[in-house]
C-alpha cells in the first residue's frame, strides 16, 4: 500500500468514526429527552430543541411550529400549573435506527416508544394506560451539538389500566417495609423519598445540550417540603450477659 493510499484510508476511517460518534450522540439525546418527559421537566425538554424556525412538533393534537411552538406546547415560562405528583410519562425509546447525513450536519431517527402513562384528573384519580408509539425524528447539529428539529409521533397501541389496578409508589413502599429477607447494613428510611409520587431520581449528568445541571433537586425539594426524612431506628441490641464469675475453689 502506497503512502497516498494509506492517507486516503485513514481519512475514510476518520470520517466513519465521526459518523459513528454522531449516531451515539443522537441516541443519547433521544434517551435523555425521554427521561425529562417522564416528569414533564419543561425547561430541560425545551432546551433539547434546535434554535431554528424549522422546528416542528407534529403531535396527535395538532402541529406546533418553531421553538416558540415548543415553548407554547410544554408551557415553558407560563403560569400553567406543574403536573401533579401522580403524573407519569415513562415511555421508553427502544429499537432506535439512526442515520446521519454524510456531511454530519443532520440526522434522522426512528424509535419504538413503549411504556406507562398516568395522568391524574381534577380529583386526583389516576387514569393509567400502557402505550406503544412510533417516533420519526429529525436532528440537526448546531455549533457542534446535536439537537431535535422535527418530531412526528403516532400511538398505534393504547391499553387502559383499571383505576384499582394502578399501584402508586407509596403503596409499593408500604409493601417493601414488610421485607423479611436478610437484614440490611443500613436500615430503610422511615420516610423514603423514592416512594413518593413525583419524586425525580437524580441524574448523574448535566443537560446534553446546555451542559447545565438539571432542575430535579429543586423540584424534589418543593415536593418533599415539610416532610421529615430520617433513618428508621434500629432495634436496640440486648446487652451481652456478663459471664458469671467462677466459684472460688474451697480449700481442703
Protein backbone atom coordinates (compact mmCIF):
# COMPACT_ATOMS: atom_id res chain seq x y z
CA UNK A 1 0.00 0.00 0.00
CA UNK A 2 1.40 3.36 -1.02
CA UNK A 3 1.60 6.38 1.26
CA UNK A 4 -1.16 8.05 -0.76
CA UNK A 5 -3.43 5.01 -0.40
CA UNK A 6 -2.72 4.86 3.33
CA UNK A 7 -3.60 8.53 3.72
CA UNK A 8 -6.88 8.03 1.84
CA UNK A 9 -7.75 5.05 4.03
CA UNK A 10 -7.03 6.96 7.21
CA UNK A 11 -9.27 9.83 6.08
CA UNK A 12 -12.07 7.37 5.26
CA UNK A 13 -11.75 5.76 8.69
CA UNK A 14 -11.75 9.15 10.42
CA UNK A 15 -14.98 10.05 8.61
CA UNK A 16 -16.56 6.73 9.56
CA UNK A 17 -15.59 7.16 13.21
CA UNK A 18 -17.00 10.69 13.17
CA UNK A 19 -20.34 9.45 11.85
CA UNK A 20 -20.46 6.68 14.48
CA UNK A 21 -19.83 9.27 17.20
CA UNK A 22 -22.68 11.36 15.78
CA UNK A 23 -25.03 8.35 15.87
CA UNK A 24 -24.14 7.76 19.54
CA UNK A 25 -24.71 11.43 20.43
CA UNK A 26 -28.11 11.45 18.69
CA UNK A 27 -29.17 8.28 20.53
CA UNK A 28 -28.04 9.76 23.83
CA UNK A 29 -30.00 12.95 23.20
CA UNK A 30 -33.16 10.96 22.47
CA UNK A 31 -32.83 8.85 25.60
CA UNK A 32 -32.14 11.85 27.81
CA UNK A 33 -35.14 13.71 26.33
CA UNK A 34 -37.38 10.79 27.31
CA UNK A 35 -36.16 10.95 30.92
CA UNK A 36 -37.12 14.63 31.04
CA UNK A 37 -40.57 13.89 29.57
CA UNK A 38 -41.15 11.26 32.29
CA UNK A 39 -41.85 14.04 34.82
CA UNK A 40 -42.52 16.81 32.26
CA UNK A 41 -39.37 18.78 33.09
CA UNK A 42 -40.34 21.66 30.83
CA UNK A 43 -37.16 23.70 30.71
CA UNK A 44 -34.99 20.66 30.06
CA UNK A 45 -37.33 19.46 27.28
CA UNK A 46 -37.32 22.90 25.66
CA UNK A 47 -33.52 23.02 25.65
CA UNK A 48 -33.35 19.74 23.70
CA UNK A 49 -34.73 21.50 20.61
CA UNK A 50 -32.82 23.46 17.98
CA UNK A 51 -32.81 27.23 17.78
CA UNK A 52 -34.46 27.23 14.37
CA UNK A 53 -37.72 28.36 12.72
CA UNK A 54 -37.80 24.91 11.11
CA UNK A 55 -38.63 23.18 14.40
CA UNK A 56 -41.86 21.15 14.14
CA UNK A 57 -43.86 19.22 16.73
CA UNK A 58 -46.34 17.03 14.87
CA UNK A 59 -48.33 15.65 17.79
CA UNK A 60 -51.63 13.81 17.85
CA UNK A 61 -53.46 17.01 18.91
CA UNK A 62 -52.04 19.13 16.10
CA UNK A 63 -48.81 20.73 14.90
CA UNK A 64 -46.72 23.36 16.65
CA UNK A 65 -44.09 25.34 14.73
CA UNK A 66 -40.72 26.81 15.69
CA UNK A 67 -39.01 26.97 19.06
CA UNK A 68 -41.90 29.23 20.08
CA UNK A 69 -44.28 26.37 19.37
CA UNK A 70 -42.28 24.06 21.65
CA UNK A 71 -42.42 26.69 24.37
CA UNK A 72 -46.18 27.06 23.99
CA UNK A 73 -46.93 23.33 23.89
CA UNK A 74 -44.95 22.47 27.00
CA UNK A 75 -45.89 25.66 28.86
CA UNK A 76 -42.32 26.84 29.38
CA UNK A 77 -42.25 30.08 31.36
CA UNK A 78 -46.05 30.17 31.63
CA UNK A 79 -48.30 30.21 34.68
CA UNK A 80 -49.63 26.78 33.71
CA UNK A 81 -49.63 24.58 36.84
CA UNK A 82 -46.94 21.95 37.13
CA UNK A 83 -48.19 18.39 36.56
CA UNK A 84 -49.46 16.89 39.83
CA UNK A 85 -47.17 14.44 41.69
CA UNK A 86 -49.02 11.40 40.35
CA UNK A 87 -48.25 12.36 36.74
CA UNK A 88 -46.03 9.86 34.95
CA UNK A 89 -44.96 9.56 31.32
CA UNK A 90 -42.44 6.73 31.42
CA UNK A 91 -42.37 5.99 27.71
CA UNK A 92 -39.06 4.43 26.71
CA UNK A 93 -37.41 4.88 23.30
CA UNK A 94 -36.26 1.48 22.06
CA UNK A 95 -35.00 -0.17 18.84
CA UNK A 96 -33.62 3.14 17.60
CA UNK A 97 -32.42 3.35 13.99
CA UNK A 98 -30.35 6.49 13.34
CA UNK A 99 -28.94 7.62 10.01
CA UNK A 100 -26.59 10.60 9.82
CA UNK A 101 -26.17 12.52 6.56
CA UNK A 102 -22.67 12.19 5.03
CA UNK A 103 -21.90 15.84 5.82
CA UNK A 104 -22.60 15.15 9.53
CA UNK A 105 -24.98 18.11 9.87
CA UNK A 106 -28.37 16.40 10.01
CA UNK A 107 -29.75 13.01 11.04
CA UNK A 108 -32.98 11.06 11.15
CA UNK A 109 -34.11 8.52 13.71
CA UNK A 110 -36.94 6.04 14.09
CA UNK A 111 -37.92 4.69 17.51
CA UNK A 112 -40.46 2.50 19.16
CA UNK A 113 -41.69 4.20 22.30
CA UNK A 114 -43.27 1.89 24.84
CA UNK A 115 -44.27 2.32 28.48
CA UNK A 116 -46.75 3.53 31.06
CA UNK A 117 -48.62 6.82 31.30
CA UNK A 118 -50.61 8.10 34.28
CA UNK A 119 -52.47 11.41 34.23
CA UNK A 120 -54.44 12.41 37.36
CA UNK A 121 -57.83 14.00 36.79
CA UNK A 122 -59.16 17.05 38.67
CA UNK A 123 -60.00 14.84 41.66
CA UNK A 124 -56.54 13.29 41.72
CA UNK A 125 -57.73 9.94 40.36
CA UNK A 126 -55.12 8.36 38.13
CA UNK A 127 -56.00 7.48 34.57
CA UNK A 128 -53.34 4.97 33.63
CA UNK A 129 -52.53 3.26 30.38
CA UNK A 130 -49.88 1.27 28.57
CA UNK A 131 -48.93 2.86 25.26
CA UNK A 132 -46.83 1.83 22.29
CA UNK A 133 -45.87 4.58 19.87
CA UNK A 134 -43.59 5.33 16.95
CA UNK A 135 -41.30 8.33 16.51
CA UNK A 136 -39.82 9.67 13.29
CA UNK A 137 -37.44 12.45 14.32
CA UNK A 138 -35.07 14.79 12.54
CA UNK A 139 -31.99 16.14 14.31
CA UNK A 140 -29.60 18.96 13.50
CA UNK A 141 -26.09 19.74 14.70
CA UNK A 142 -25.67 23.35 15.82
CA UNK A 143 -22.28 24.60 16.98
CA UNK A 144 -21.11 21.00 17.32
CA UNK A 145 -24.11 19.93 19.46
CA UNK A 146 -26.96 17.67 18.30
CA UNK A 147 -30.49 18.96 18.89
CA UNK A 148 -34.02 17.87 17.97
CA UNK A 149 -35.53 19.57 14.92
CA UNK A 150 -38.72 17.80 13.87
CA UNK A 151 -40.82 15.24 15.75
CA UNK A 152 -43.54 13.10 14.22
CA UNK A 153 -45.37 10.82 16.66
CA UNK A 154 -48.19 8.27 16.49
CA UNK A 155 -49.71 5.83 19.03
CA UNK A 156 -50.98 2.64 17.38
CA UNK A 157 -51.28 0.86 20.76
CA UNK A 158 -53.08 2.05 23.90
CA UNK A 159 -54.34 -0.18 26.71
CA UNK A 160 -56.21 1.38 29.61
CA UNK A 161 -55.37 0.24 33.12
CA UNK A 162 -58.31 -0.04 35.57
CA UNK A 163 -58.09 2.55 38.33
CA UNK A 164 -57.90 -0.09 41.07
CA UNK A 165 -55.08 -1.88 39.24
CA UNK A 166 -52.66 1.05 39.25
CA UNK A 167 -50.26 0.80 42.19
CA UNK A 168 -48.79 4.13 43.30
CA UNK A 169 -45.22 4.11 44.58
CA UNK A 170 -46.45 4.90 48.10
CA UNK A 171 -48.28 1.56 48.20
CA UNK A 172 -45.18 -0.17 46.86
CA UNK A 173 -43.12 1.39 49.66
CA UNK A 174 -45.53 0.12 52.29
CA UNK A 175 -45.23 -3.40 50.91
CA UNK A 176 -41.46 -3.24 50.91
CA UNK A 177 -41.42 -2.21 54.56
CA UNK A 178 -42.55 -5.75 55.33
CA UNK A 179 -39.40 -7.22 53.77
CA UNK A 180 -38.43 -10.41 55.64
CA UNK A 181 -35.11 -11.08 53.92
CA UNK A 182 -31.56 -10.58 55.17
CA UNK A 183 -31.02 -7.63 57.47
CA UNK A 184 -29.56 -4.64 55.55
CA UNK A 185 -26.35 -2.93 56.65
CA UNK A 186 -28.20 0.40 56.60
CA UNK A 187 -31.85 0.38 57.61
CA UNK A 188 -34.63 1.63 55.34
CA UNK A 189 -35.73 5.20 55.97
CA UNK A 190 -38.90 5.87 57.93
CA UNK A 191 -39.76 8.26 55.10
CA UNK A 192 -38.05 7.32 51.86
CA UNK A 193 -38.43 9.91 49.07
CA UNK A 194 -38.10 7.16 46.45
CA UNK A 195 -41.60 6.06 47.43
CA UNK A 196 -43.23 9.44 46.89
CA UNK A 197 -45.20 10.07 43.70
CA UNK A 198 -43.50 12.73 41.61
CA UNK A 199 -40.03 12.21 43.06
CA UNK A 200 -37.38 12.53 40.34
CA UNK A 201 -34.49 10.11 40.72
CA UNK A 202 -31.44 12.43 40.47
CA UNK A 203 -29.43 12.48 37.25
CA UNK A 204 -25.67 11.87 37.29
CA UNK A 205 -25.14 14.03 34.18
CA UNK A 206 -25.83 17.61 33.09
CA UNK A 207 -28.09 18.58 30.20
CA UNK A 208 -26.64 17.23 26.91
CA UNK A 209 -27.31 20.50 25.03
CA UNK A 210 -26.73 23.26 27.59
CA UNK A 211 -24.23 21.43 29.79
CA UNK A 212 -26.04 22.87 32.83
CA UNK A 213 -27.28 20.98 35.92
CA UNK A 214 -30.93 19.96 35.69
CA UNK A 215 -33.76 21.00 37.99
CA UNK A 216 -34.65 17.75 39.76
CA UNK A 217 -33.16 18.79 43.12
CA UNK A 218 -35.25 21.97 43.24
CA UNK A 219 -38.38 20.10 42.15
CA UNK A 220 -37.80 17.38 44.74
CA UNK A 221 -37.23 19.98 47.45
CA UNK A 222 -40.65 21.51 46.74
CA UNK A 223 -42.26 18.08 46.62
CA UNK A 224 -40.76 16.97 49.93
CA UNK A 225 -41.08 20.30 51.75
CA UNK A 226 -42.22 19.75 55.32
CA UNK A 227 -41.71 16.01 55.13
CA UNK A 228 -39.12 14.66 57.52
CA UNK A 229 -36.61 12.16 56.19
CA UNK A 230 -34.87 10.09 58.81
CA UNK A 231 -33.41 6.63 59.16
CA UNK A 232 -35.50 4.02 60.88
CA UNK A 233 -34.41 3.46 64.42
CA UNK A 234 -32.65 0.16 64.74
CA UNK A 235 -33.86 -2.20 67.39
CA UNK A 236 -31.64 -1.89 70.41
CA UNK A 237 -29.46 -4.87 70.86
CA UNK A 238 -29.76 -6.59 74.19
CA UNK A 239 -26.68 -6.06 76.35
CA UNK A 240 -24.47 -9.05 76.40
CA UNK A 241 -24.84 -11.04 79.58
CA UNK A 242 -21.76 -10.76 81.75
CA UNK A 243 -20.05 -14.11 82.26
CA UNK A 244 -20.71 -15.50 85.67
CA UNK A 245 -17.74 -15.48 87.98
CA UNK A 246 -16.35 -18.87 88.60
CA UNK A 247 -16.95 -20.05 92.20
CA UNK A 248 -13.84 -19.94 94.31
CA UNK A 249 -12.44 -23.36 95.00
CA UNK A 250 -12.69 -24.34 98.65
CA UNK A 251 -9.52 -25.06 100.48
CA UNK A 252 -9.28 -28.54 101.73
